Amino acid sequence: MPTHLALLRGINVSGHKMINMQALKKSLENIGFTNVVTYIQSGNVFVDTEEESPGKVGFLIKQEIFKQFGHDVPVIVIGKEDLQACLDRNLFLNDEGVDLKKLYVSFISSELPENMITQLNLNFIKPDEIQLDGKRIYLKYDISPAKTRLDNKWIEKSMNVISTTRNWNTVNKLLEMFN
């Protein structure tokens, strides 16, 4: 039975879209998901299901959240291979003296075309940097994600996708939890 990781966007942030993780776990178990495990309050949920399609799994979770909690929450569902790719393909890890606290990954709803990077106004986000990799965007902040224009709003508007972002420590912990 496949394990999926659902990344919920924008819940339990600054008092908005509050969802209790234990209540969410119970709610997802009630609609047939098994081995439901949550990690921290920001919306990382592992589920097992016979359903193989990440899109269908995401739709079911999104629907259940709206039904039970009244929140319209974007859900991006990924697999272990997506998290492993973050470690294998993030070129910022090769930078000498890289500060891991300034590395983040945005998981996006659809794969970007190869030429997307040339179509973006990257001057807008400087001195921050991005690297596109399929349905992942690696972010390297110059100062911090709190002091940048490079956020989910910019990614979504510039690239016409849904985006949810996790810090580097969380990405590593989620990969560890998949094992």
C-alpha atoms as a PDB file:
ATOM      1  CA  MET A   1       0.000   0.000   0.000  1.00  0.00           C
ATOM      2  CA  PRO A   2       1.587   3.305  -1.048  1.00  0.00           C
ATOM      3  CA  THR A   3       2.502   5.965   1.489  1.00  0.00           C
ATOM      4  CA  HIS A   4       1.825   9.553   0.473  1.00  0.00           C
ATOM      5  CA  LEU A   5       2.908  12.770   2.147  1.00  0.00           C
ATOM      6  CA  ALA A   6       0.314  15.539   2.036  1.00  0.00           C
ATOM      7  CA  LEU A   7       1.703  19.043   2.442  1.00  0.00           C
ATOM      8  CA  LEU A   8      -1.023  21.441   3.546  1.00  0.00           C
ATOM      9  CA  ARG A   9      -0.514  25.085   2.659  1.00  0.00           C
ATOM     10  CA  GLY A  10      -1.108  27.917   5.074  1.00  0.00           C
ATOM     11  CA  ILE A  11      -2.622  26.178   8.084  1.00  0.00           C
ATOM     12  CA  ASN A  12      -1.958  27.099  11.722  1.00  0.00           C
ATOM     13  CA  VAL A  13       0.026  30.194  10.697  1.00  0.00           C
ATOM     14  CA  SER A  14      -0.499  33.361  12.746  1.00  0.00           C
ATOM     15  CA  GLY A  15      -3.874  32.122  13.968  1.00  0.00           C
ATOM     16  CA  HIS A  16      -5.263  31.486  10.470  1.00  0.00           C
ATOM     17  CA  LYS A  17      -6.905  28.269   9.248  1.00  0.00           C
ATOM     18  CA  MET A  18      -6.419  26.561  12.580  1.00  0.00           C
ATOM     19  CA  ILE A  19      -6.580  22.757  12.410  1.00  0.00           C
ATOM     20  CA  ASN A  20      -5.806  20.466  15.327  1.00  0.00           C
ATOM     21  CA  MET A  21      -3.497  17.715  14.053  1.00  0.00           C
ATOM     22  CA  GLN A  22      -5.078  15.021  16.233  1.00  0.00           C
ATOM     23  CA  ALA A  23      -8.550  15.940  14.920  1.00  0.00           C
ATOM     24  CA  LEU A  24      -7.208  15.914  11.357  1.00  0.00           C
ATOM     25  CA  LYS A  25      -5.645  12.483  11.917  1.00  0.00           C
ATOM     26  CA  LYS A  26      -8.935  11.085  13.182  1.00  0.00           C
ATOM     27  CA  SER A  27     -10.877  12.704  10.343  1.00  0.00           C
ATOM     28  CA  LEU A  28      -8.590  11.187   7.690  1.00  0.00           C
ATOM     29  CA  GLU A  29      -8.759   7.769   9.334  1.00  0.00           C
ATOM     30  CA  ASN A  30     -12.566   8.017   9.253  1.00  0.00           C
ATOM     31  CA  ILE A  31     -12.523   8.328   5.452  1.00  0.00           C
ATOM     32  CA  GLY A  32     -10.299   5.281   4.997  1.00  0.00           C
ATOM     33  CA  PHE A  33      -6.683   6.425   5.215  1.00  0.00           C
ATOM     34  CA  THR A  34      -4.456   4.236   7.383  1.00  0.00           C
ATOM     35  CA  ASN A  35      -1.191   4.795   9.272  1.00  0.00           C
ATOM     36  CA  VAL A  36      -1.961   8.532   9.430  1.00  0.00           C
ATOM     37  CA  VAL A  37       0.985  10.378  10.990  1.00  0.00           C
ATOM     38  CA  THR A  38       1.329  14.137  11.339  1.00  0.00           C
ATOM     39  CA  TYR A  39       4.549  16.070  11.819  1.00  0.00           C
ATOM     40  CA  ILE A  40       4.507  19.487  13.493  1.00  0.00           C
ATOM     41  CA  GLN A  41       1.561  21.854  13.287  1.00  0.00           C
ATOM     42  CA  SER A  42       2.305  23.276   9.834  1.00  0.00           C
ATOM     43  CA  GLY A  43       0.521  20.540   7.942  1.00  0.00           C
ATOM     44  CA  ASN A  44       2.672  17.551   7.069  1.00  0.00           C
ATOM     45  CA  VAL A  45       0.554  14.403   6.966  1.00  0.00           C
ATOM     46  CA  PHE A  46       1.629  10.892   6.003  1.00  0.00           C
ATOM     47  CA  VAL A  47      -1.170   8.569   4.854  1.00  0.00           C
ATOM     48  CA  ASP A  48      -1.349   5.047   3.494  1.00  0.00           C
ATOM     49  CA  THR A  49      -4.027   4.215   0.948  1.00  0.00           C
ATOM     50  CA  GLU A  50      -4.708   1.863  -1.937  1.00  0.00           C
ATOM     51  CA  GLU A  51      -5.100   4.981  -4.111  1.00  0.00           C
ATOM     52  CA  GLU A  52      -1.927   5.498  -6.114  1.00  0.00           C
ATOM     53  CA  SER A  53      -2.749   8.870  -7.688  1.00  0.00           C
ATOM     54  CA  PRO A  54      -1.275  11.749  -5.640  1.00  0.00           C
ATOM     55  CA  GLY A  55      -3.839  14.087  -7.214  1.00  0.00           C
ATOM     56  CA  LYS A  56      -6.766  11.977  -6.027  1.00  0.00           C
ATOM     57  CA  VAL A  57      -5.268  11.607  -2.554  1.00  0.00           C
ATOM     58  CA  GLY A  58      -4.823  15.386  -2.348  1.00  0.00           C
ATOM     59  CA  PHE A  59      -8.380  15.992  -3.514  1.00  0.00           C
ATOM     60  CA  LEU A  60      -9.809  13.629  -0.872  1.00  0.00           C
ATOM     61  CA  ILE A  61      -7.793  15.302   1.887  1.00  0.00           C
ATOM     62  CA  LYS A  62      -8.700  18.814   0.702  1.00  0.00           C
ATOM     63  CA  GLN A  63     -12.376  17.826   0.548  1.00  0.00           C
ATOM     64  CA  GLU A  64     -12.304  16.323   4.056  1.00  0.00           C
ATOM     65  CA  ILE A  65     -10.578  19.382   5.530  1.00  0.00           C
ATOM     66  CA  PHE A  66     -13.235  21.636   4.049  1.00  0.00           C
ATOM     67  CA  LYS A  67     -16.043  19.355   5.250  1.00  0.00           C
ATOM     68  CA  GLN A  68     -14.717  18.944   8.809  1.00  0.00           C
ATOM     69  CA  PHE A  69     -12.923  22.235   9.480  1.00  0.00           C
ATOM     70  CA  GLY A  70     -14.437  24.682   6.974  1.00  0.00           C
ATOM     71  CA  HIS A  71     -11.082  25.696   5.486  1.00  0.00           C
ATOM     72  CA  ASP A  72     -10.203  25.727   1.796  1.00  0.00           C
ATOM     73  CA  VAL A  73      -6.629  24.453   2.049  1.00  0.00           C
ATOM     74  CA  PRO A  74      -4.389  23.721  -0.930  1.00  0.00           C
ATOM     75  CA  VAL A  75      -2.867  20.244  -0.634  1.00  0.00           C
ATOM     76  CA  ILE A  76       0.199  19.015  -2.507  1.00  0.00           C
ATOM     77  CA  VAL A  77       0.890  15.297  -2.280  1.00  0.00           C
ATOM     78  CA  ILE A  78       4.416  14.004  -2.788  1.00  0.00           C
ATOM     79  CA  GLY A  79       6.322  10.756  -2.412  1.00  0.00           C
ATOM     80  CA  LYS A  80       9.599   9.707  -0.874  1.00  0.00           C
ATOM     81  CA  GLU A  81      11.338  10.178  -4.233  1.00  0.00           C
ATOM     82  CA  ASP A  82      10.406  13.894  -4.217  1.00  0.00           C
ATOM     83  CA  LEU A  83      12.100  14.380  -0.853  1.00  0.00           C
ATOM     84  CA  GLN A  84      15.132  12.340  -1.895  1.00  0.00           C
ATOM     85  CA  ALA A  85      15.456  14.509  -5.021  1.00  0.00           C
ATOM     86  CA  CYS A  86      15.786  17.549  -2.747  1.00  0.00           C
ATOM     87  CA  LEU A  87      18.958  16.088  -1.262  1.00  0.00           C
ATOM     88  CA  ASP A  88      20.286  14.761  -4.552  1.00  0.00           C
ATOM     89  CA  ARG A  89      19.582  17.724  -6.814  1.00  0.00           C
ATOM     90  CA  ASN A  90      19.692  20.923  -4.751  1.00  0.00           C
ATOM     91  CA  LEU A  91      22.777  22.654  -6.163  1.00  0.00           C
ATOM     92  CA  PHE A  92      22.810  25.167  -3.299  1.00  0.00           C
ATOM     93  CA  LEU A  93      24.171  22.351  -1.121  1.00  0.00           C
ATOM     94  CA  ASN A  94      27.391  22.581  -3.162  1.00  0.00           C
ATOM     95  CA  ASP A  95      27.956  26.227  -2.190  1.00  0.00           C
ATOM     96  CA  GLU A  96      30.928  26.627   0.100  1.00  0.00           C
ATOM     97  CA  GLY A  97      29.833  27.518   3.632  1.00  0.00           C
ATOM     98  CA  VAL A  98      26.120  27.311   2.799  1.00  0.00           C
ATOM     99  CA  ASP A  99      23.878  28.183   5.751  1.00  0.00           C
ATOM    100  CA  LEU A 100      21.284  25.393   5.868  1.00  0.00           C
ATOM    101  CA  LYS A 101      18.958  27.655   7.876  1.00  0.00           C
ATOM    102  CA  LYS A 102      18.559  29.785   4.739  1.00  0.00           C
ATOM    103  CA  LEU A 103      17.620  26.863   2.465  1.00  0.00           C
ATOM    104  CA  TYR A 104      13.984  26.056   1.765  1.00  0.00           C
ATOM    105  CA  VAL A 105      12.044  23.977  -0.742  1.00  0.00           C
ATOM    106  CA  SER A 106       8.780  24.994  -2.374  1.00  0.00           C
ATOM    107  CA  PHE A 107       6.734  22.057  -3.577  1.00  0.00           C
ATOM    108  CA  ILE A 108       4.490  23.095  -6.458  1.00  0.00           C
ATOM    109  CA  SER A 109       1.346  21.747  -8.066  1.00  0.00           C
ATOM    110  CA  SER A 110       2.661  21.204 -11.579  1.00  0.00           C
ATOM    111  CA  GLU A 111       5.971  20.750 -13.337  1.00  0.00           C
ATOM    112  CA  LEU A 112       7.424  23.902 -14.827  1.00  0.00           C
ATOM    113  CA  PRO A 113       8.701  24.092 -18.393  1.00  0.00           C
ATOM    114  CA  GLU A 114      12.476  24.058 -18.824  1.00  0.00           C
ATOM    115  CA  ASN A 115      12.517  27.662 -20.058  1.00  0.00           C
ATOM    116  CA  MET A 116      10.486  29.062 -17.125  1.00  0.00           C
ATOM    117  CA  ILE A 117      13.604  30.419 -15.403  1.00  0.00           C
ATOM    118  CA  THR A 118      14.301  32.699 -18.372  1.00  0.00           C
ATOM    119  CA  GLN A 119      10.765  34.083 -18.220  1.00  0.00           C
ATOM    120  CA  LEU A 120      10.943  35.188 -14.583  1.00  0.00           C
ATOM    121  CA  ASN A 121      11.907  38.613 -13.324  1.00  0.00           C
ATOM    122  CA  LEU A 122      14.643  37.404 -10.995  1.00  0.00           C
ATOM    123  CA  ASN A 123      15.795  40.964 -10.275  1.00  0.00           C
ATOM    124  CA  PHE A 124      12.622  41.290  -8.203  1.00  0.00           C
ATOM    125  CA  ILE A 125      13.809  38.658  -5.716  1.00  0.00           C
ATOM    126  CA  LYS A 126      17.534  39.480  -5.541  1.00  0.00           C
ATOM    127  CA  PRO A 127      19.698  38.877  -3.572  1.00  0.00           C
ATOM    128  CA  ASP A 128      17.716  35.683  -2.913  1.00  0.00           C
ATOM    129  CA  GLU A 129      18.171  32.821  -5.367  1.00  0.00           C
ATOM    130  CA  ILE A 130      16.064  30.015  -6.804  1.00  0.00           C
ATOM    131  CA  GLN A 131      16.703  26.770  -8.636  1.00  0.00           C
ATOM    132  CA  LEU A 132      13.865  25.074 -10.532  1.00  0.00           C
ATOM    133  CA  ASP A 133      13.648  21.276 -10.490  1.00  0.00           C
ATOM    134  CA  GLY A 134      10.430  19.821 -11.888  1.00  0.00           C
ATOM    135  CA  LYS A 135       7.772  20.153  -9.183  1.00  0.00           C
ATOM    136  CA  ARG A 136      10.279  21.561  -6.685  1.00  0.00           C
ATOM    137  CA  ILE A 137      11.871  24.970  -6.309  1.00  0.00           C
ATOM    138  CA  TYR A 138      14.960  25.257  -4.155  1.00  0.00           C
ATOM    139  CA  LEU A 139      15.207  28.599  -2.379  1.00  0.00           C
ATOM    140  CA  LYS A 140      18.297  30.214  -0.910  1.00  0.00           C
ATOM    141  CA  TYR A 141      17.598  33.308   1.139  1.00  0.00           C
ATOM    142  CA  ASP A 142      20.223  35.987   1.589  1.00  0.00           C
ATOM    143  CA  ILE A 143      18.855  37.042   4.978  1.00  0.00           C
ATOM    144  CA  SER A 144      15.688  35.122   5.883  1.00  0.00           C
ATOM    145  CA  PRO A 145      12.263  34.170   4.499  1.00  0.00           C
ATOM    146  CA  ALA A 146      10.763  36.867   6.721  1.00  0.00           C
ATOM    147  CA  LYS A 147      12.688  39.576   4.858  1.00  0.00           C
ATOM    148  CA  THR A 148      12.137  38.733   1.203  1.00  0.00           C
ATOM    149  CA  ARG A 149       9.902  39.137  -1.794  1.00  0.00           C
ATOM    150  CA  LEU A 150      10.519  35.477  -2.658  1.00  0.00           C
ATOM    151  CA  ASP A 151       7.490  33.907  -1.021  1.00  0.00           C
ATOM    152  CA  ASN A 152       4.592  31.630  -1.948  1.00  0.00           C
ATOM    153  CA  LYS A 153       2.628  34.586  -3.324  1.00  0.00           C
ATOM    154  CA  TRP A 154       5.424  35.514  -5.738  1.00  0.00           C
ATOM    155  CA  ILE A 155       5.945  31.887  -6.787  1.00  0.00           C
ATOM    156  CA  GLU A 156       2.234  31.316  -7.365  1.00  0.00           C
ATOM    157  CA  LYS A 157       1.690  34.538  -9.283  1.00  0.00           C
ATOM    158  CA  SER A 158       4.883  34.315 -11.368  1.00  0.00           C
ATOM    159  CA  MET A 159       4.578  30.648 -12.236  1.00  0.00           C
ATOM    160  CA  ASN A 160       0.817  30.053 -12.140  1.00  0.00           C
ATOM    161  CA  VAL A 161       1.071  27.178  -9.647  1.00  0.00           C
ATOM    162  CA  ILE A 162       0.079  26.349  -6.074  1.00  0.00           C
ATOM    163  CA  SER A 163       3.098  26.345  -3.764  1.00  0.00           C
ATOM    164  CA  THR A 164       3.847  25.279  -0.221  1.00  0.00           C
ATOM    165  CA  THR A 165       7.260  25.756   1.333  1.00  0.00           C
ATOM    166  CA  ARG A 166       9.231  23.816   3.947  1.00  0.00           C
ATOM    167  CA  ASN A 167      12.555  24.638   5.567  1.00  0.00           C
ATOM    168  CA  TRP A 168      15.563  22.407   5.006  1.00  0.00           C
ATOM    169  CA  ASN A 169      15.387  20.773   8.444  1.00  0.00           C
ATOM    170  CA  THR A 170      11.743  19.832   7.873  1.00  0.00           C
ATOM    171  CA  VAL A 171      12.507  18.369   4.429  1.00  0.00           C
ATOM    172  CA  ASN A 172      15.207  16.183   5.979  1.00  0.00           C
ATOM    173  CA  LYS A 173      12.999  15.103   8.887  1.00  0.00           C
ATOM    174  CA  LEU A 174      10.133  14.195   6.518  1.00  0.00           C
ATOM    175  CA  LEU A 175      12.488  12.069   4.417  1.00  0.00           C
ATOM    176  CA  GLU A 176      13.733  10.351   7.574  1.00  0.00           C
ATOM    177  CA  MET A 177      10.116   9.636   8.592  1.00  0.00           C
ATOM    178  CA  PHE A 178       9.419   7.955   5.235  1.00  0.00           C
ATOM    179  CA  ASN A 179      11.955   5.219   6.026  1.00  0.00           C
END
